[in-house]
Amino acid sequence: MAGEPQDDCLFCKIVAGHIPATVVRETETTVAFRDINPQAPTHVLVIPKAHYRDAAALAAGAPEVAADVLRETRAVAEDEKLDSFRIVFNTGAGAGQTVWHTHAHVIGGRGLNWPPG
């Protein structure tokens, strides 16, 4: 069920404190932590504490929490002193999503040309 913790979800386990993470921010509805495989000098994931499969499911099921996630990406960028950064939501396997819990990547600290790669 959307919003309910999933026993087999890596990020639900991080929210519950069962798996350690380097948390940089936490609010009532979100957690932000450093990516274990950073793609840039700053690479932080911002997730909702509630389980939603992907960004589209979060937007449909809890738009107010989607706004919280986006607001926290800005706060992370400010805390990390990034004047330029990218926010990425991968939605679906074809887009590179590998953990089935909504998460925003906050990436910065180096030039980010488009297209990525």
PDB file of N, CA and C in Angstrom:
ATOM      1  N   MET A   1       0.845  -1.189   0.000  1.00  0.00           N
ATOM      2  CA  MET A   1       0.000   0.000   0.000  1.00  0.00           C
ATOM      3  C   MET A   1       0.885   1.246   0.000  1.00  0.00           C
ATOM      4  N   ALA A   2       0.550   2.214  -0.806  1.00  0.00           N
ATOM      5  CA  ALA A   2       1.332   3.446  -0.891  1.00  0.00           C
ATOM      6  C   ALA A   2       1.402   4.130   0.466  1.00  0.00           C
ATOM      7  N   GLY A   3       2.566   4.620   0.787  1.00  0.00           N
ATOM      8  CA  GLY A   3       2.772   5.327   2.042  1.00  0.00           C
ATOM      9  C   GLY A   3       3.205   4.446   3.189  1.00  0.00           C
ATOM     10  N   GLU A   4       2.906   3.151   3.121  1.00  0.00           N
ATOM     11  CA  GLU A   4       3.256   2.224   4.196  1.00  0.00           C
ATOM     12  C   GLU A   4       4.676   1.699   4.008  1.00  0.00           C
ATOM     13  N   PRO A   5       5.457   1.558   5.081  1.00  0.00           N
ATOM     14  CA  PRO A   5       6.815   1.004   4.957  1.00  0.00           C
ATOM     15  C   PRO A   5       6.785  -0.392   4.333  1.00  0.00           C
ATOM     16  N   GLN A   6       7.777  -0.669   3.509  1.00  0.00           N
ATOM     17  CA  GLN A   6       7.908  -1.966   2.850  1.00  0.00           C
ATOM     18  C   GLN A   6       9.099  -2.707   3.456  1.00  0.00           C
ATOM     19  N   ASP A   7       8.893  -3.944   3.856  1.00  0.00           N
ATOM     20  CA  ASP A   7       9.947  -4.729   4.506  1.00  0.00           C
ATOM     21  C   ASP A   7      11.166  -4.933   3.627  1.00  0.00           C
ATOM     22  N   ASP A   8      10.978  -4.981   2.315  1.00  0.00           N
ATOM     23  CA  ASP A   8      12.082  -5.263   1.402  1.00  0.00           C
ATOM     24  C   ASP A   8      12.680  -4.004   0.775  1.00  0.00           C
ATOM     25  N   CYS A   9      12.353  -2.829   1.287  1.00  0.00           N
ATOM     26  CA  CYS A   9      12.804  -1.563   0.704  1.00  0.00           C
ATOM     27  C   CYS A   9      14.012  -1.013   1.464  1.00  0.00           C
ATOM     28  N   LEU A  10      15.112  -0.814   0.751  1.00  0.00           N
ATOM     29  CA  LEU A  10      16.339  -0.272   1.331  1.00  0.00           C
ATOM     30  C   LEU A  10      16.090   1.075   2.006  1.00  0.00           C
ATOM     31  N   PHE A  11      15.367   1.968   1.337  1.00  0.00           N
ATOM     32  CA  PHE A  11      15.173   3.297   1.900  1.00  0.00           C
ATOM     33  C   PHE A  11      14.204   3.292   3.077  1.00  0.00           C
ATOM     34  N   CYS A  12      13.221   2.410   3.084  1.00  0.00           N
ATOM     35  CA  CYS A  12      12.359   2.272   4.260  1.00  0.00           C
ATOM     36  C   CYS A  12      13.192   1.821   5.463  1.00  0.00           C
ATOM     37  N   LYS A  13      14.168   0.950   5.213  1.00  0.00           N
ATOM     38  CA  LYS A  13      15.056   0.492   6.293  1.00  0.00           C
ATOM     39  C   LYS A  13      15.938   1.623   6.802  1.00  0.00           C
ATOM     40  N   ILE A  14      16.367   2.520   5.911  1.00  0.00           N
ATOM     41  CA  ILE A  14      17.140   3.690   6.349  1.00  0.00           C
ATOM     42  C   ILE A  14      16.253   4.599   7.193  1.00  0.00           C
ATOM     43  N   VAL A  15      15.025   4.861   6.746  1.00  0.00           N
ATOM     44  CA  VAL A  15      14.093   5.697   7.511  1.00  0.00           C
ATOM     45  C   VAL A  15      13.885   5.115   8.912  1.00  0.00           C
ATOM     46  N   ALA A  16      13.754   3.791   8.996  1.00  0.00           N
ATOM     47  CA  ALA A  16      13.505   3.126  10.282  1.00  0.00           C
ATOM     48  C   ALA A  16      14.751   3.032  11.152  1.00  0.00           C
ATOM     49  N   GLY A  17      15.919   3.349  10.601  1.00  0.00           N
ATOM     50  CA  GLY A  17      17.161   3.266  11.360  1.00  0.00           C
ATOM     51  C   GLY A  17      17.775   1.881  11.387  1.00  0.00           C
ATOM     52  N   HIS A  18      17.286   0.976  10.547  1.00  0.00           N
ATOM     53  CA  HIS A  18      17.809  -0.388  10.505  1.00  0.00           C
ATOM     54  C   HIS A  18      19.070  -0.502   9.656  1.00  0.00           C
ATOM     55  N   ILE A  19      19.272   0.444   8.751  1.00  0.00           N
ATOM     56  CA  ILE A  19      20.478   0.501   7.915  1.00  0.00           C
ATOM     57  C   ILE A  19      21.069   1.890   8.107  1.00  0.00           C
ATOM     58  N   PRO A  20      22.371   1.977   8.398  1.00  0.00           N
ATOM     59  CA  PRO A  20      22.971   3.292   8.623  1.00  0.00           C
ATOM     60  C   PRO A  20      23.090   4.098   7.327  1.00  0.00           C
ATOM     61  N   ALA A  21      23.040   5.395   7.486  1.00  0.00           N
ATOM     62  CA  ALA A  21      23.244   6.326   6.374  1.00  0.00           C
ATOM     63  C   ALA A  21      23.827   7.602   6.964  1.00  0.00           C
ATOM     64  N   THR A  22      24.521   8.341   6.136  1.00  0.00           N
ATOM     65  CA  THR A  22      25.065   9.629   6.567  1.00  0.00           C
ATOM     66  C   THR A  22      23.995  10.687   6.318  1.00  0.00           C
ATOM     67  N   VAL A  23      23.157  10.888   7.323  1.00  0.00           N
ATOM     68  CA  VAL A  23      22.035  11.815   7.223  1.00  0.00           C
ATOM     69  C   VAL A  23      22.555  13.243   7.352  1.00  0.00           C
ATOM     70  N   VAL A  24      22.124  14.104   6.420  1.00  0.00           N
ATOM     71  CA  VAL A  24      22.531  15.505   6.451  1.00  0.00           C
ATOM     72  C   VAL A  24      21.385  16.429   6.841  1.00  0.00           C
ATOM     73  N   ARG A  25      20.139  15.974   6.653  1.00  0.00           N
ATOM     74  CA  ARG A  25      18.963  16.741   7.049  1.00  0.00           C
ATOM     75  C   ARG A  25      17.831  15.755   7.322  1.00  0.00           C
ATOM     76  N   GLU A  26      16.941  16.164   8.207  1.00  0.00           N
ATOM     77  CA  GLU A  26      15.745  15.363   8.452  1.00  0.00           C
ATOM     78  C   GLU A  26      14.626  16.291   8.873  1.00  0.00           C
ATOM     79  N   THR A  27      13.440  16.043   8.331  1.00  0.00           N
ATOM     80  CA  THR A  27      12.247  16.786   8.713  1.00  0.00           C
ATOM     81  C   THR A  27      11.195  15.769   9.145  1.00  0.00           C
ATOM     82  N   GLU A  28      10.028  16.244   9.447  1.00  0.00           N
ATOM     83  CA  GLU A  28       8.933  15.351   9.834  1.00  0.00           C
ATOM     84  C   GLU A  28       8.580  14.381   8.701  1.00  0.00           C
ATOM     85  N   THR A  29       8.746  14.817   7.450  1.00  0.00           N
ATOM     86  CA  THR A  29       8.305  14.004   6.314  1.00  0.00           C
ATOM     87  C   THR A  29       9.426  13.511   5.405  1.00  0.00           C
ATOM     88  N   THR A  30      10.670  13.991   5.602  1.00  0.00           N
ATOM     89  CA  THR A  30      11.765  13.648   4.696  1.00  0.00           C
ATOM     90  C   THR A  30      13.050  13.303   5.426  1.00  0.00           C
ATOM     91  N   VAL A  31      13.923  12.611   4.707  1.00  0.00           N
ATOM     92  CA  VAL A  31      15.286  12.357   5.174  1.00  0.00           C
ATOM     93  C   VAL A  31      16.211  12.615   3.995  1.00  0.00           C
ATOM     94  N   ALA A  32      17.337  13.283   4.247  1.00  0.00           N
ATOM     95  CA  ALA A  32      18.349  13.519   3.219  1.00  0.00           C
ATOM     96  C   ALA A  32      19.657  12.904   3.701  1.00  0.00           C
ATOM     97  N   PHE A  33      20.273  12.121   2.812  1.00  0.00           N
ATOM     98  CA  PHE A  33      21.519  11.447   3.181  1.00  0.00           C
ATOM     99  C   PHE A  33      22.439  11.345   1.980  1.00  0.00           C
ATOM    100  N   ARG A  34      23.725  11.181   2.259  1.00  0.00           N
ATOM    101  CA  ARG A  34      24.730  11.109   1.201  1.00  0.00           C
ATOM    102  C   ARG A  34      24.604   9.798   0.426  1.00  0.00           C
ATOM    103  N   ASP A  35      24.722   9.901  -0.904  1.00  0.00           N
ATOM    104  CA  ASP A  35      24.687   8.722  -1.765  1.00  0.00           C
ATOM    105  C   ASP A  35      25.948   7.902  -1.525  1.00  0.00           C
ATOM    106  N   ILE A  36      25.818   6.576  -1.446  1.00  0.00           N
ATOM    107  CA  ILE A  36      26.989   5.724  -1.190  1.00  0.00           C
ATOM    108  C   ILE A  36      27.860   5.555  -2.435  1.00  0.00           C
ATOM    109  N   ASN A  37      27.351   5.965  -3.596  1.00  0.00           N
ATOM    110  CA  ASN A  37      28.110   5.904  -4.844  1.00  0.00           C
ATOM    111  C   ASN A  37      28.001   7.261  -5.542  1.00  0.00           C
ATOM    112  N   PRO A  38      28.637   8.298  -4.961  1.00  0.00           N
ATOM    113  CA  PRO A  38      28.436   9.649  -5.474  1.00  0.00           C
ATOM    114  C   PRO A  38      28.938   9.832  -6.907  1.00  0.00           C
ATOM    115  N   GLN A  39      28.157  10.587  -7.674  1.00  0.00           N
ATOM    116  CA  GLN A  39      28.495  10.891  -9.058  1.00  0.00           C
ATOM    117  C   GLN A  39      29.060  12.295  -9.212  1.00  0.00           C
ATOM    118  N   ALA A  40      29.215  12.998  -8.103  1.00  0.00           N
ATOM    119  CA  ALA A  40      29.753  14.356  -8.088  1.00  0.00           C
ATOM    120  C   ALA A  40      30.248  14.625  -6.669  1.00  0.00           C
ATOM    121  N   PRO A  41      31.018  15.701  -6.476  1.00  0.00           N
ATOM    122  CA  PRO A  41      31.491  16.012  -5.119  1.00  0.00           C
ATOM    123  C   PRO A  41      30.364  16.092  -4.084  1.00  0.00           C
ATOM    124  N   THR A  42      29.214  16.636  -4.494  1.00  0.00           N
ATOM    125  CA  THR A  42      28.028  16.598  -3.639  1.00  0.00           C
ATOM    126  C   THR A  42      26.986  15.736  -4.332  1.00  0.00           C
ATOM    127  N   HIS A  43      26.545  14.693  -3.640  1.00  0.00           N
ATOM    128  CA  HIS A  43      25.485  13.822  -4.158  1.00  0.00           C
ATOM    129  C   HIS A  43      24.686  13.335  -2.953  1.00  0.00           C
ATOM    130  N   VAL A  44      23.552  13.973  -2.751  1.00  0.00           N
ATOM    131  CA  VAL A  44      22.692  13.698  -1.603  1.00  0.00           C
ATOM    132  C   VAL A  44      21.335  13.239  -2.125  1.00  0.00           C
ATOM    133  N   LEU A  45      20.767  12.244  -1.479  1.00  0.00           N
ATOM    134  CA  LEU A  45      19.424  11.773  -1.805  1.00  0.00           C
ATOM    135  C   LEU A  45      18.439  12.356  -0.807  1.00  0.00           C
ATOM    136  N   VAL A  46      17.320  12.843  -1.296  1.00  0.00           N
ATOM    137  CA  VAL A  46      16.234  13.325  -0.440  1.00  0.00           C
ATOM    138  C   VAL A  46      15.047  12.412  -0.700  1.00  0.00           C
ATOM    139  N   ILE A  47      14.561  11.780   0.368  1.00  0.00           N
ATOM    140  CA  ILE A  47      13.465  10.825   0.236  1.00  0.00           C
ATOM    141  C   ILE A  47      12.308  11.198   1.162  1.00  0.00           C
ATOM    142  N   PRO A  48      11.099  10.821   0.768  1.00  0.00           N
ATOM    143  CA  PRO A  48       9.998  10.936   1.727  1.00  0.00           C
ATOM    144  C   PRO A  48      10.110   9.790   2.730  1.00  0.00           C
ATOM    145  N   LYS A  49       9.727  10.027   3.952  1.00  0.00           N
ATOM    146  CA  LYS A  49       9.719   8.942   4.939  1.00  0.00           C
ATOM    147  C   LYS A  49       8.664   7.901   4.583  1.00  0.00           C
ATOM    148  N   ALA A  50       7.566   8.334   3.998  1.00  0.00           N
ATOM    149  CA  ALA A  50       6.524   7.410   3.553  1.00  0.00           C
ATOM    150  C   ALA A  50       6.971   6.748   2.251  1.00  0.00           C
ATOM    151  N   HIS A  51       6.593   5.494   2.076  1.00  0.00           N
ATOM    152  CA  HIS A  51       6.997   4.750   0.886  1.00  0.00           C
ATOM    153  C   HIS A  51       6.057   5.014  -0.286  1.00  0.00           C
ATOM    154  N   TYR A  52       6.630   5.549  -1.347  1.00  0.00           N
ATOM    155  CA  TYR A  52       5.972   5.668  -2.639  1.00  0.00           C
ATOM    156  C   TYR A  52       6.964   5.154  -3.668  1.00  0.00           C
ATOM    157  N   ARG A  53       6.495   4.367  -4.594  1.00  0.00           N
ATOM    158  CA  ARG A  53       7.352   3.655  -5.541  1.00  0.00           C
ATOM    159  C   ARG A  53       8.250   4.577  -6.368  1.00  0.00           C
ATOM    160  N   ASP A  54       7.719   5.682  -6.820  1.00  0.00           N
ATOM    161  CA  ASP A  54       8.486   6.586  -7.671  1.00  0.00           C
ATOM    162  C   ASP A  54       7.897   7.991  -7.563  1.00  0.00           C
ATOM    163  N   ALA A  55       8.521   8.933  -8.256  1.00  0.00           N
ATOM    164  CA  ALA A  55       8.103  10.330  -8.158  1.00  0.00           C
ATOM    165  C   ALA A  55       6.669  10.533  -8.641  1.00  0.00           C
ATOM    166  N   ALA A  56       6.278   9.808  -9.682  1.00  0.00           N
ATOM    167  CA  ALA A  56       4.913   9.940 -10.198  1.00  0.00           C
ATOM    168  C   ALA A  56       3.894   9.465  -9.163  1.00  0.00           C
ATOM    169  N   ALA A  57       4.179   8.360  -8.494  1.00  0.00           N
ATOM    170  CA  ALA A  57       3.281   7.842  -7.459  1.00  0.00           C
ATOM    171  C   ALA A  57       3.204   8.803  -6.276  1.00  0.00           C
ATOM    172  N   LEU A  58       4.331   9.401  -5.912  1.00  0.00           N
ATOM    173  CA  LEU A  58       4.340  10.365  -4.812  1.00  0.00           C
ATOM    174  C   LEU A  58       3.515  11.598  -5.185  1.00  0.00           C
ATOM    175  N   ALA A  59       3.702  12.107  -6.387  1.00  0.00           N
ATOM    176  CA  ALA A  59       2.962  13.301  -6.822  1.00  0.00           C
ATOM    177  C   ALA A  59       1.457  13.053  -6.817  1.00  0.00           C
ATOM    178  N   ALA A  60       1.057  11.850  -7.236  1.00  0.00           N
ATOM    179  CA  ALA A  60      -0.370  11.521  -7.273  1.00  0.00           C
ATOM    180  C   ALA A  60      -0.928  11.238  -5.884  1.00  0.00           C
ATOM    181  N   GLY A  61      -0.150  10.558  -5.046  1.00  0.00           N
ATOM    182  CA  GLY A  61      -0.659  10.098  -3.762  1.00  0.00           C
ATOM    183  C   GLY A  61      -0.480  11.062  -2.607  1.00  0.00           C
ATOM    184  N   ALA A  62       0.550  11.889  -2.665  1.00  0.00           N
ATOM    185  CA  ALA A  62       0.832  12.809  -1.555  1.00  0.00           C
ATOM    186  C   ALA A  62       1.545  14.056  -2.085  1.00  0.00           C
ATOM    187  N   PRO A  63       0.831  14.890  -2.847  1.00  0.00           N
ATOM    188  CA  PRO A  63       1.490  16.055  -3.450  1.00  0.00           C
ATOM    189  C   PRO A  63       2.135  16.983  -2.433  1.00  0.00           C
ATOM    190  N   GLU A  64       1.582  17.037  -1.224  1.00  0.00           N
ATOM    191  CA  GLU A  64       2.181  17.897  -0.199  1.00  0.00           C
ATOM    192  C   GLU A  64       3.541  17.356   0.236  1.00  0.00           C
ATOM    193  N   VAL A  65       3.714  16.045   0.261  1.00  0.00           N
ATOM    194  CA  VAL A  65       5.010  15.444   0.601  1.00  0.00           C
ATOM    195  C   VAL A  65       5.976  15.613  -0.569  1.00  0.00           C
ATOM    196  N   ALA A  66       5.468  15.541  -1.791  1.00  0.00           N
ATOM    197  CA  ALA A  66       6.314  15.810  -2.963  1.00  0.00           C
ATOM    198  C   ALA A  66       6.879  17.226  -2.866  1.00  0.00           C
ATOM    199  N   ALA A  67       6.067  18.169  -2.440  1.00  0.00           N
ATOM    200  CA  ALA A  67       6.541  19.544  -2.250  1.00  0.00           C
ATOM    201  C   ALA A  67       7.591  19.601  -1.151  1.00  0.00           C
ATOM    202  N   ASP A  68       7.402  18.835  -0.073  1.00  0.00           N
ATOM    203  CA  ASP A  68       8.389  18.791   1.006  1.00  0.00           C
ATOM    204  C   ASP A  68       9.736  18.276   0.487  1.00  0.00           C
ATOM    205  N   VAL A  69       9.691  17.222  -0.331  1.00  0.00           N
ATOM    206  CA  VAL A  69      10.929  16.669  -0.896  1.00  0.00           C
ATOM    207  C   VAL A  69      11.634  17.736  -1.727  1.00  0.00           C
ATOM    208  N   LEU A  70      10.903  18.404  -2.583  1.00  0.00           N
ATOM    209  CA  LEU A  70      11.502  19.425  -3.431  1.00  0.00           C
ATOM    210  C   LEU A  70      12.045  20.587  -2.599  1.00  0.00           C
ATOM    211  N   ARG A  71      11.319  20.985  -1.574  1.00  0.00           N
ATOM    212  CA  ARG A  71      11.782  22.056  -0.690  1.00  0.00           C
ATOM    213  C   ARG A  71      13.087  21.656  -0.005  1.00  0.00           C
ATOM    214  N   GLU A  72      13.187  20.401   0.396  1.00  0.00           N
ATOM    215  CA  GLU A  72      14.413  19.922   1.054  1.00  0.00           C
ATOM    216  C   GLU A  72      15.603  19.845   0.099  1.00  0.00           C
ATOM    217  N   THR A  73      15.347  19.617  -1.198  1.00  0.00           N
ATOM    218  CA  THR A  73      16.477  19.634  -2.138  1.00  0.00           C
ATOM    219  C   THR A  73      17.127  21.015  -2.132  1.00  0.00           C
ATOM    220  N   ARG A  74      16.320  22.036  -2.063  1.00  0.00           N
ATOM    221  CA  ARG A  74      16.858  23.403  -1.999  1.00  0.00           C
ATOM    222  C   ARG A  74      17.635  23.615  -0.701  1.00  0.00           C
ATOM    223  N   ALA A  75      17.096  23.139   0.409  1.00  0.00           N
ATOM    224  CA  ALA A  75      17.771  23.289   1.695  1.00  0.00           C
ATOM    225  C   ALA A  75      19.117  22.552   1.700  1.00  0.00           C
ATOM    226  N   VAL A  76      19.152  21.361   1.106  1.00  0.00           N
ATOM    227  CA  VAL A  76      20.414  20.620   1.002  1.00  0.00           C
ATOM    228  C   VAL A  76      21.420  21.435   0.197  1.00  0.00           C
ATOM    229  N   ALA A  77      20.992  21.961  -0.944  1.00  0.00           N
ATOM    230  CA  ALA A  77      21.896  22.750  -1.782  1.00  0.00           C
ATOM    231  C   ALA A  77      22.431  23.969  -1.026  1.00  0.00           C
ATOM    232  N   GLU A  78      21.575  24.619  -0.256  1.00  0.00           N
ATOM    233  CA  GLU A  78      22.028  25.758   0.554  1.00  0.00           C
ATOM    234  C   GLU A  78      23.034  25.308   1.605  1.00  0.00           C
ATOM    235  N   ASP A  79      22.722  24.227   2.324  1.00  0.00           N
ATOM    236  CA  ASP A  79      23.632  23.711   3.352  1.00  0.00           C
ATOM    237  C   ASP A  79      24.990  23.331   2.763  1.00  0.00           C
ATOM    238  N   GLU A  80      24.973  22.790   1.546  1.00  0.00           N
ATOM    239  CA  GLU A  80      26.200  22.349   0.882  1.00  0.00           C
ATOM    240  C   GLU A  80      26.897  23.496   0.141  1.00  0.00           C
ATOM    241  N   LYS A  81      26.288  24.692   0.202  1.00  0.00           N
ATOM    242  CA  LYS A  81      26.835  25.892  -0.432  1.00  0.00           C
ATOM    243  C   LYS A  81      26.998  25.732  -1.944  1.00  0.00           C
ATOM    244  N   LEU A  82      25.997  25.117  -2.553  1.00  0.00           N
ATOM    245  CA  LEU A  82      25.986  24.939  -4.002  1.00  0.00           C
ATOM    246  C   LEU A  82      25.275  26.117  -4.647  1.00  0.00           C
ATOM    247  N   ASP A  83      25.939  26.800  -5.568  1.00  0.00           N
ATOM    248  CA  ASP A  83      25.251  27.869  -6.295  1.00  0.00           C
ATOM    249  C   ASP A  83      24.611  27.329  -7.572  1.00  0.00           C
ATOM    250  N   SER A  84      25.059  26.157  -8.021  1.00  0.00           N
ATOM    251  CA  SER A  84      24.453  25.458  -9.147  1.00  0.00           C
ATOM    252  C   SER A  84      24.338  23.994  -8.769  1.00  0.00           C
ATOM    253  N   PHE A  85      23.230  23.381  -9.128  1.00  0.00           N
ATOM    254  CA  PHE A  85      23.038  21.974  -8.790  1.00  0.00           C
ATOM    255  C   PHE A  85      21.953  21.401  -9.681  1.00  0.00           C
ATOM    256  N   ARG A  86      21.893  20.095  -9.693  1.00  0.00           N
ATOM    257  CA  ARG A  86      20.870  19.386 -10.461  1.00  0.00           C
ATOM    258  C   ARG A  86      20.022  18.574  -9.488  1.00  0.00           C
ATOM    259  N   ILE A  87      18.717  18.534  -9.764  1.00  0.00           N
ATOM    260  CA  ILE A  87      17.783  17.679  -9.035  1.00  0.00           C
ATOM    261  C   ILE A  87      17.294  16.641 -10.030  1.00  0.00           C
ATOM    262  N   VAL A  88      17.475  15.366  -9.698  1.00  0.00           N
ATOM    263  CA  VAL A  88      17.099  14.295 -10.616  1.00  0.00           C
ATOM    264  C   VAL A  88      16.172  13.319  -9.897  1.00  0.00           C
ATOM    265  N   PHE A  89      15.028  13.035 -10.526  1.00  0.00           N
ATOM    266  CA  PHE A  89      14.133  11.961 -10.112  1.00  0.00           C
ATOM    267  C   PHE A  89      14.152  10.933 -11.238  1.00  0.00           C
ATOM    268  N   ASN A  90      14.693   9.762 -11.006  1.00  0.00           N
ATOM    269  CA  ASN A  90      14.611   8.683 -11.986  1.00  0.00           C
ATOM    270  C   ASN A  90      13.312   7.931 -11.711  1.00  0.00           C
ATOM    271  N   THR A  91      12.489   7.791 -12.728  1.00  0.00           N
ATOM    272  CA  THR A  91      11.196   7.131 -12.562  1.00  0.00           C
ATOM    273  C   THR A  91      11.101   5.990 -13.562  1.00  0.00           C
ATOM    274  N   GLY A  92      11.242   4.769 -13.048  1.00  0.00           N
ATOM    275  CA  GLY A  92      11.193   3.572 -13.882  1.00  0.00           C
ATOM    276  C   GLY A  92      12.580   3.038 -14.208  1.00  0.00           C
ATOM    277  N   ALA A  93      12.644   1.745 -14.446  1.00  0.00           N
ATOM    278  CA  ALA A  93      13.918   1.083 -14.737  1.00  0.00           C
ATOM    279  C   ALA A  93      14.594   1.672 -15.966  1.00  0.00           C
ATOM    280  N   GLY A  94      13.825   2.008 -16.987  1.00  0.00           N
ATOM    281  CA  GLY A  94      14.393   2.566 -18.207  1.00  0.00           C
ATOM    282  C   GLY A  94      15.041   3.917 -17.997  1.00  0.00           C
ATOM    283  N   ALA A  95      14.691   4.602 -16.927  1.00  0.00           N
ATOM    284  CA  ALA A  95      15.280   5.901 -16.596  1.00  0.00           C
ATOM    285  C   ALA A  95      16.407   5.762 -15.580  1.00  0.00           C
ATOM    286  N   GLY A  96      16.708   4.528 -15.173  1.00  0.00           N
ATOM    287  CA  GLY A  96      17.806   4.310 -14.233  1.00  0.00           C
ATOM    288  C   GLY A  96      17.394   4.150 -12.786  1.00  0.00           C
ATOM    289  N   GLN A  97      16.104   4.068 -12.484  1.00  0.00           N
ATOM    290  CA  GLN A  97      15.698   3.868 -11.098  1.00  0.00           C
ATOM    291  C   GLN A  97      16.049   2.449 -10.676  1.00  0.00           C
ATOM    292  N   THR A  98      16.772   2.330  -9.555  1.00  0.00           N
ATOM    293  CA  THR A  98      17.172   1.013  -9.050  1.00  0.00           C
ATOM    294  C   THR A  98      16.632   0.732  -7.654  1.00  0.00           C
ATOM    295  N   VAL A  99      16.235   1.765  -6.927  1.00  0.00           N
ATOM    296  CA  VAL A  99      15.597   1.590  -5.624  1.00  0.00           C
ATOM    297  C   VAL A  99      14.169   2.085  -5.784  1.00  0.00           C
ATOM    298  N   TRP A 100      13.204   1.233  -5.459  1.00  0.00           N
ATOM    299  CA  TRP A 100      11.793   1.517  -5.724  1.00  0.00           C
ATOM    300  C   TRP A 100      11.134   2.225  -4.546  1.00  0.00           C
ATOM    301  N   HIS A 101      11.735   3.347  -4.187  1.00  0.00           N
ATOM    302  CA  HIS A 101      11.230   4.282  -3.176  1.00  0.00           C
ATOM    303  C   HIS A 101      11.610   5.652  -3.728  1.00  0.00           C
ATOM    304  N   THR A 102      10.644   6.539  -3.875  1.00  0.00           N
ATOM    305  CA  THR A 102      10.911   7.856  -4.453  1.00  0.00           C
ATOM    306  C   THR A 102      12.152   8.476  -3.833  1.00  0.00           C
ATOM    307  N   HIS A 103      13.009   9.015  -4.683  1.00  0.00           N
ATOM    308  CA  HIS A 103      14.153   9.755  -4.181  1.00  0.00           C
ATOM    309  C   HIS A 103      14.617  10.779  -5.203  1.00  0.00           C
ATOM    310  N   ALA A 104      14.998  11.937  -4.687  1.00  0.00           N
ATOM    311  CA  ALA A 104      15.561  13.006  -5.504  1.00  0.00           C
ATOM    312  C   ALA A 104      17.054  13.033  -5.268  1.00  0.00           C
ATOM    313  N   HIS A 105      17.816  13.040  -6.345  1.00  0.00           N
ATOM    314  CA  HIS A 105      19.264  13.205  -6.267  1.00  0.00           C
ATOM    315  C   HIS A 105      19.564  14.703  -6.312  1.00  0.00           C
ATOM    316  N   VAL A 106      20.326  15.202  -5.368  1.00  0.00           N
ATOM    317  CA  VAL A 106      20.840  16.570  -5.408  1.00  0.00           C
ATOM    318  C   VAL A 106      22.320  16.429  -5.744  1.00  0.00           C
ATOM    319  N   ILE A 107      22.690  16.897  -6.938  1.00  0.00           N
ATOM    320  CA  ILE A 107      24.032  16.688  -7.451  1.00  0.00           C
ATOM    321  C   ILE A 107      24.658  18.025  -7.778  1.00  0.00           C
ATOM    322  N   GLY A 108      25.886  18.234  -7.310  1.00  0.00           N
ATOM    323  CA  GLY A 108      26.578  19.482  -7.593  1.00  0.00           C
ATOM    324  C   GLY A 108      28.030  19.419  -7.189  1.00  0.00           C
ATOM    325  N   GLY A 109      28.675  20.577  -7.264  1.00  0.00           N
ATOM    326  CA  GLY A 109      30.076  20.660  -6.882  1.00  0.00           C
ATOM    327  C   GLY A 109      31.037  20.474  -8.040  1.00  0.00           C
ATOM    328  N   ARG A 110      30.511  20.304  -9.239  1.00  0.00           N
ATOM    329  CA  ARG A 110      31.323  20.234 -10.464  1.00  0.00           C
ATOM    330  C   ARG A 110      30.434  20.679 -11.618  1.00  0.00           C
ATOM    331  N   GLY A 111      31.039  20.906 -12.765  1.00  0.00           N
ATOM    332  CA  GLY A 111      30.258  21.273 -13.941  1.00  0.00           C
ATOM    333  C   GLY A 111      29.299  20.146 -14.296  1.00  0.00           C
ATOM    334  N   LEU A 112      28.094  20.496 -14.652  1.00  0.00           N
ATOM    335  CA  LEU A 112      27.061  19.507 -14.990  1.00  0.00           C
ATOM    336  C   LEU A 112      26.530  19.822 -16.379  1.00  0.00           C
ATOM    337  N   ASN A 113      27.248  19.398 -17.370  1.00  0.00           N
ATOM    338  CA  ASN A 113      26.826  19.630 -18.749  1.00  0.00           C
ATOM    339  C   ASN A 113      25.625  18.777 -19.085  1.00  0.00           C
ATOM    340  N   TRP A 114      24.867  19.212 -20.077  1.00  0.00           N
ATOM    341  CA  TRP A 114      23.721  18.440 -20.550  1.00  0.00           C
ATOM    342  C   TRP A 114      23.963  18.049 -21.986  1.00  0.00           C
ATOM    343  N   PRO A 115      23.709  16.867 -22.440  1.00  0.00           N
ATOM    344  CA  PRO A 115      23.134  15.791 -21.638  1.00  0.00           C
ATOM    345  C   PRO A 115      24.164  15.212 -20.676  1.00  0.00           C
ATOM    346  N   PRO A 116      23.681  14.572 -19.608  1.00  0.00           N
ATOM    347  CA  PRO A 116      24.597  14.002 -18.618  1.00  0.00           C
ATOM    348  C   PRO A 116      25.408  12.864 -19.223  1.00  0.00           C
ATOM    349  N   GLY A 117      26.516  12.581 -18.584  1.00  0.00           N
ATOM    350  CA  GLY A 117      27.320  11.455 -19.050  1.00  0.00           C
ATOM    351  C   GLY A 117      28.781  11.729 -19.032  1.00  0.00           C
TER     352      GLY A 117
END
